[in-house]
Protein backbone atom coordinates (compact mmCIF):
# COMPACT_ATOMS: atom_id res chain seq x y z
CA MET A 1 109.51 104.98 36.92
CA THR A 2 110.54 107.87 39.19
CA ILE A 3 112.28 107.58 42.53
CA ILE A 4 112.09 110.19 45.26
CA HIS A 5 114.99 109.54 47.62
CA THR A 6 116.28 110.91 50.89
CA ALA A 7 118.82 109.61 53.36
CA ARG A 8 119.62 110.28 56.98
CA ARG A 9 122.30 109.21 59.44
CA PHE A 10 121.24 108.19 62.92
CA ALA A 11 123.49 107.55 65.92
CA GLU A 12 121.47 104.45 66.82
CA SER A 13 122.21 100.97 65.48
CA PRO A 14 120.22 99.41 62.62
CA ALA A 15 118.54 97.16 65.23
CA GLU A 16 117.38 100.20 67.21
CA VAL A 17 116.04 101.95 64.10
CA PHE A 18 114.33 98.75 62.93
CA ALA A 19 112.69 98.44 66.38
CA ALA A 20 111.04 101.85 65.86
CA ILE A 21 109.59 100.59 62.57
CA ARG A 22 108.35 97.13 63.57
CA ASP A 23 106.58 98.27 66.77
CA PRO A 24 103.17 99.69 65.77
CA ALA A 25 102.90 101.88 68.88
CA ARG A 26 106.25 103.50 68.13
CA LEU A 27 105.62 103.72 64.38
CA ALA A 28 102.29 105.46 64.96
CA ARG A 29 104.10 108.15 66.98
CA TRP A 30 106.53 109.15 64.23
CA TRP A 31 104.96 108.17 60.90
CA GLY A 32 104.01 111.08 58.66
CA PRO A 33 104.78 114.78 58.40
CA GLN A 34 104.91 117.14 61.36
CA GLY A 35 101.53 117.63 63.03
CA PHE A 36 100.01 114.36 61.76
CA THR A 37 98.75 111.55 63.97
CA ASN A 38 97.83 107.97 63.05
CA SER A 39 95.17 105.39 63.82
CA PHE A 40 96.28 101.90 62.83
CA GLU A 41 93.47 99.47 61.99
CA VAL A 42 95.58 96.54 60.69
CA PHE A 43 99.34 96.10 61.17
CA GLU A 44 100.59 92.69 60.02
CA PHE A 45 104.36 93.18 60.05
CA GLN A 46 105.37 90.22 57.90
CA PRO A 47 105.90 89.71 54.16
CA GLY A 48 102.47 89.84 52.51
CA GLY A 49 100.96 91.43 55.62
CA ARG A 50 98.54 94.34 55.38
CA TRP A 51 98.90 97.76 56.93
CA VAL A 52 95.69 99.78 57.03
CA PHE A 53 95.64 103.11 58.82
CA VAL A 54 94.33 106.65 58.79
CA MET A 55 96.63 109.64 58.95
CA HIS A 56 94.95 112.58 60.66
CA GLY A 57 96.14 115.94 59.39
CA PRO A 58 96.64 118.90 61.70
CA ASP A 59 93.62 120.55 60.06
CA GLY A 60 91.39 117.57 60.93
CA THR A 61 91.46 115.99 57.46
CA ASP A 62 91.66 112.18 57.46
CA TYR A 63 93.83 110.39 54.90
CA PRO A 64 93.04 106.66 54.61
CA ASN A 65 96.06 104.52 53.65
CA GLU A 66 96.50 100.90 52.75
CA SER A 67 99.79 99.14 52.14
CA VAL A 68 101.27 95.66 51.93
CA PHE A 69 104.62 94.69 53.43
CA GLU A 70 106.46 93.16 50.48
CA GLU A 71 109.82 92.39 52.07
CA ILE A 72 111.21 92.57 55.58
CA VAL A 73 114.81 91.84 56.46
CA ALA A 74 115.42 92.39 60.17
CA ASP A 75 117.67 95.38 60.87
CA ALA A 76 118.23 95.98 57.13
CA LEU A 77 115.17 96.53 54.92
CA VAL A 78 111.43 97.16 54.92
CA ARG A 79 109.73 97.33 51.52
CA ILE A 80 106.12 98.52 51.48
CA ARG A 81 103.72 98.69 48.52
CA HIS A 82 101.27 101.58 48.95
CA VAL A 83 98.11 100.14 47.37
CA SER A 84 95.91 103.19 47.91
CA GLN A 85 96.53 106.36 45.92
CA PRO A 86 99.17 107.47 45.13
CA HIS A 87 100.73 104.14 44.12
CA PHE A 88 104.40 103.67 45.00
CA VAL A 89 106.80 101.24 46.64
CA LEU A 90 108.68 102.55 49.66
CA SER A 91 112.01 100.94 50.48
CA ILE A 92 113.53 101.78 53.84
CA GLY A 93 117.11 100.53 53.88
CA LEU A 94 119.23 100.42 57.03
CA ALA A 95 123.01 100.11 56.75
CA ALA A 96 125.43 100.03 59.65
CA SER A 97 128.02 102.79 59.66
CA ARG A 98 130.67 104.02 62.08
CA GLU A 99 128.22 106.68 63.22
CA GLY A 100 125.35 104.18 63.72
CA THR A 101 122.93 103.79 60.82
CA LEU A 102 122.53 105.22 57.35
CA LEU A 103 118.84 105.12 56.50
CA SER A 104 117.86 105.25 52.82
CA TRP A 105 114.23 106.19 52.08
CA LYS A 106 113.23 105.55 48.46
CA GLN A 107 109.73 105.95 47.04
CA ASP A 108 109.45 104.36 43.60
CA PHE A 109 106.49 105.70 41.62
CA ALA A 110 105.41 103.73 38.54
CA ASP A 111 103.88 106.88 37.01
CA PRO A 112 106.42 109.71 36.67
CA ARG A 113 103.62 112.28 36.28
CA VAL A 114 102.25 111.37 39.70
CA ALA A 115 105.71 111.60 41.26
CA GLU A 116 106.46 114.98 39.72
CA GLY A 117 102.99 116.28 40.62
CA ILE A 118 103.48 115.57 44.33
CA ARG A 119 107.27 115.88 44.65
CA HIS A 120 106.89 119.37 46.18
CA ILE A 121 104.81 117.80 49.00
CA VAL A 122 106.60 114.46 49.35
CA GLU A 123 110.20 115.70 49.67
CA PRO A 124 109.64 118.02 52.66
CA ALA A 125 107.14 115.55 54.19
CA ASN A 126 109.75 112.77 54.06
CA GLU A 127 112.29 115.01 55.81
CA GLN A 128 109.71 115.81 58.52
CA ASN A 129 108.99 112.10 58.84
CA LEU A 130 112.67 111.39 59.46
CA ASP A 131 112.87 114.32 61.91
CA ARG A 132 110.06 112.64 63.86
CA LEU A 133 111.89 109.30 63.70
CA ALA A 134 115.00 110.99 65.13
CA ARG A 135 112.95 112.30 68.06
CA GLU A 136 111.43 108.84 68.61
CA LEU A 137 114.88 107.25 68.62
CA ALA A 138 116.19 109.88 71.05
CA THR A 139 113.43 109.12 73.54
CA GLY A 140 113.87 105.33 73.24
CA ALA A 141 110.96 103.08 74.12
């Protein structure tokens, strides 16, 4: 098992950050690396619910994705199992802090070789993803 982890502080409350995750219109605006867009086909935001979408790369390449929401704790945690390749479990933890929210983003890969093979893509992509979340939070909705 290999975990790729990043964290970010946001001025907004955990409830405000959670709102940008649970709302599919907002999530579609910030999910993925810089330059990517999303088309959500299924978004069942509940434990056991499916999330099926296509990420559209800036070069026009489509990346089909399918996940299952494993655990959702309002304003605190969203755990998602990515069932299409590559296989991992993403845990997005939200903790209140004096500054607002500390977000913890952990991708747990069952196969360490897969994690190490894509780490050079995943780490900067995750930072870009959180940059996009910061912009979404700044604009409100």
